[in-house]
């Protein structure tokens, strides 16, 4: 939706998928063992993804737009995860 409203190229999504493939294992496997605070892991993902998305799309996105896109991605991912966990939790316990 962000790319639609800002009229940016959908090719940006390729870098979003790539950076998610990089940050997901790093966040879940390595950082989760070292850092116990969830906000720090989220902050790492936000900053790394914003910088990587901007790096791959310097001609079409500013660093601020990449940051807003990274924020939207991470907030929607966190929200979806929380909704799914609250839907599944009653069946597990």
C-alpha atoms as a PDB file:
ATOM      1  CA  UNK A   1       0.000   0.000   0.000  1.00  0.00           C
ATOM      2  CA  UNK A   2       2.893   2.366   0.796  1.00  0.00           C
ATOM      3  CA  UNK A   3       4.382   1.963  -2.659  1.00  0.00           C
ATOM      4  CA  UNK A   4       0.987   2.496  -4.259  1.00  0.00           C
ATOM      5  CA  UNK A   5       0.288   5.750  -2.411  1.00  0.00           C
ATOM      6  CA  UNK A   6       3.775   7.152  -2.951  1.00  0.00           C
ATOM      7  CA  UNK A   7       3.752   6.008  -6.593  1.00  0.00           C
ATOM      8  CA  UNK A   8       7.103   4.254  -6.249  1.00  0.00           C
ATOM      9  CA  UNK A   9       8.189   1.319  -8.374  1.00  0.00           C
ATOM     10  CA  UNK A  10       7.128  -2.106  -7.204  1.00  0.00           C
ATOM     11  CA  UNK A  11      10.666  -3.311  -7.939  1.00  0.00           C
ATOM     12  CA  UNK A  12      11.480  -2.061  -4.437  1.00  0.00           C
ATOM     13  CA  UNK A  13       9.713  -5.185  -3.160  1.00  0.00           C
ATOM     14  CA  UNK A  14      12.565  -7.357  -4.430  1.00  0.00           C
ATOM     15  CA  UNK A  15      14.944  -5.684  -2.013  1.00  0.00           C
ATOM     16  CA  UNK A  16      12.334  -5.940   0.770  1.00  0.00           C
ATOM     17  CA  UNK A  17      12.093  -9.704   0.279  1.00  0.00           C
ATOM     18  CA  UNK A  18      15.872 -10.028   0.147  1.00  0.00           C
ATOM     19  CA  UNK A  19      16.439  -8.026   3.325  1.00  0.00           C
ATOM     20  CA  UNK A  20      13.748 -10.021   5.139  1.00  0.00           C
ATOM     21  CA  UNK A  21      15.510 -13.223   4.146  1.00  0.00           C
ATOM     22  CA  UNK A  22      18.683 -11.786   5.687  1.00  0.00           C
ATOM     23  CA  UNK A  23      17.309 -10.261   8.902  1.00  0.00           C
ATOM     24  CA  UNK A  24      14.870 -13.033   9.832  1.00  0.00           C
ATOM     25  CA  UNK A  25      17.503 -15.714  10.588  1.00  0.00           C
ATOM     26  CA  UNK A  26      19.837 -13.181  12.182  1.00  0.00           C
ATOM     27  CA  UNK A  27      17.111 -11.871  14.472  1.00  0.00           C
ATOM     28  CA  UNK A  28      15.585 -15.212  15.410  1.00  0.00           C
ATOM     29  CA  UNK A  29      18.654 -17.400  15.743  1.00  0.00           C
ATOM     30  CA  UNK A  30      21.626 -15.235  16.632  1.00  0.00           C
ATOM     31  CA  UNK A  31      20.274 -12.095  18.274  1.00  0.00           C
ATOM     32  CA  UNK A  32      17.535 -13.895  20.226  1.00  0.00           C
ATOM     33  CA  UNK A  33      20.225 -15.904  22.011  1.00  0.00           C
ATOM     34  CA  UNK A  34      22.438 -12.900  22.759  1.00  0.00           C
ATOM     35  CA  UNK A  35      19.887 -10.108  23.314  1.00  0.00           C
ATOM     36  CA  UNK A  36      16.917 -10.850  25.556  1.00  0.00           C
ATOM     37  CA  UNK A  37      15.103  -7.572  24.943  1.00  0.00           C
ATOM     38  CA  UNK A  38      12.636  -7.747  22.055  1.00  0.00           C
ATOM     39  CA  UNK A  39      12.681  -3.972  21.355  1.00  0.00           C
ATOM     40  CA  UNK A  40      16.431  -4.104  20.698  1.00  0.00           C
ATOM     41  CA  UNK A  41      15.989  -6.894  18.167  1.00  0.00           C
ATOM     42  CA  UNK A  42      13.152  -4.945  16.546  1.00  0.00           C
ATOM     43  CA  UNK A  43      15.315  -1.809  16.451  1.00  0.00           C
ATOM     44  CA  UNK A  44      18.160  -3.731  14.788  1.00  0.00           C
ATOM     45  CA  UNK A  45      15.782  -5.088  12.147  1.00  0.00           C
ATOM     46  CA  UNK A  46      14.262  -1.661  11.527  1.00  0.00           C
ATOM     47  CA  UNK A  47      17.599   0.123  11.074  1.00  0.00           C
ATOM     48  CA  UNK A  48      19.248  -2.646   9.047  1.00  0.00           C
ATOM     49  CA  UNK A  49      16.244  -3.069   6.756  1.00  0.00           C
ATOM     50  CA  UNK A  50      15.869   0.681   6.198  1.00  0.00           C
ATOM     51  CA  UNK A  51      19.538   1.048   5.297  1.00  0.00           C
ATOM     52  CA  UNK A  52      19.568  -2.027   3.045  1.00  0.00           C
ATOM     53  CA  UNK A  53      16.373  -1.018   1.223  1.00  0.00           C
ATOM     54  CA  UNK A  54      17.798   2.457   0.668  1.00  0.00           C
ATOM     55  CA  UNK A  55      21.132   1.023  -0.475  1.00  0.00           C
ATOM     56  CA  UNK A  56      19.446  -1.137  -3.111  1.00  0.00           C
ATOM     57  CA  UNK A  57      17.091   1.629  -4.292  1.00  0.00           C
ATOM     58  CA  UNK A  58      19.075   4.854  -3.992  1.00  0.00           C
ATOM     59  CA  UNK A  59      17.748   6.180  -7.288  1.00  0.00           C
ATOM     60  CA  UNK A  60      14.075   5.783  -6.374  1.00  0.00           C
ATOM     61  CA  UNK A  61      13.939   6.075  -2.563  1.00  0.00           C
ATOM     62  CA  UNK A  62      15.371   8.544  -0.116  1.00  0.00           C
ATOM     63  CA  UNK A  63      16.696   7.288   3.212  1.00  0.00           C
ATOM     64  CA  UNK A  64      13.605   8.735   4.890  1.00  0.00           C
ATOM     65  CA  UNK A  65      11.253   6.870   2.524  1.00  0.00           C
ATOM     66  CA  UNK A  66      13.203   3.670   3.102  1.00  0.00           C
ATOM     67  CA  UNK A  67      12.861   4.232   6.857  1.00  0.00           C
ATOM     68  CA  UNK A  68       9.111   4.762   6.582  1.00  0.00           C
ATOM     69  CA  UNK A  69       8.807   1.629   4.446  1.00  0.00           C
ATOM     70  CA  UNK A  70      10.871  -0.352   6.948  1.00  0.00           C
ATOM     71  CA  UNK A  71       8.720   0.947   9.797  1.00  0.00           C
ATOM     72  CA  UNK A  72       5.527  -0.039   7.965  1.00  0.00           C
ATOM     73  CA  UNK A  73       6.918  -3.497   7.229  1.00  0.00           C
ATOM     74  CA  UNK A  74       8.023  -4.129  10.806  1.00  0.00           C
ATOM     75  CA  UNK A  75       4.852  -2.790  12.437  1.00  0.00           C
ATOM     76  CA  UNK A  76       2.618  -4.855  10.169  1.00  0.00           C
ATOM     77  CA  UNK A  77       4.770  -7.944  10.715  1.00  0.00           C
ATOM     78  CA  UNK A  78       4.729  -7.518  14.496  1.00  0.00           C
ATOM     79  CA  UNK A  79       0.967  -6.879  14.503  1.00  0.00           C
ATOM     80  CA  UNK A  80       0.233  -9.918  12.351  1.00  0.00           C
ATOM     81  CA  UNK A  81       2.428 -12.067  14.583  1.00  0.00           C
ATOM     82  CA  UNK A  82       0.645 -10.866  17.698  1.00  0.00           C
ATOM     83  CA  UNK A  83      -2.790 -11.504  16.186  1.00  0.00           C
ATOM     84  CA  UNK A  84      -1.792 -14.981  15.083  1.00  0.00           C
ATOM     85  CA  UNK A  85      -0.314 -15.807  18.473  1.00  0.00           C
ATOM     86  CA  UNK A  86      -3.480 -14.657  20.273  1.00  0.00           C
ATOM     87  CA  UNK A  87      -5.619 -16.737  17.918  1.00  0.00           C
ATOM     88  CA  UNK A  88      -3.490 -19.858  18.385  1.00  0.00           C
ATOM     89  CA  UNK A  89      -2.711 -19.531  22.120  1.00  0.00           C
ATOM     90  CA  UNK A  90      -6.173 -20.568  23.381  1.00  0.00           C
ATOM     91  CA  UNK A  91      -5.885 -23.852  21.511  1.00  0.00           C
ATOM     92  CA  UNK A  92      -2.451 -24.636  22.935  1.00  0.00           C
ATOM     93  CA  UNK A  93      -3.114 -23.974  26.619  1.00  0.00           C
END
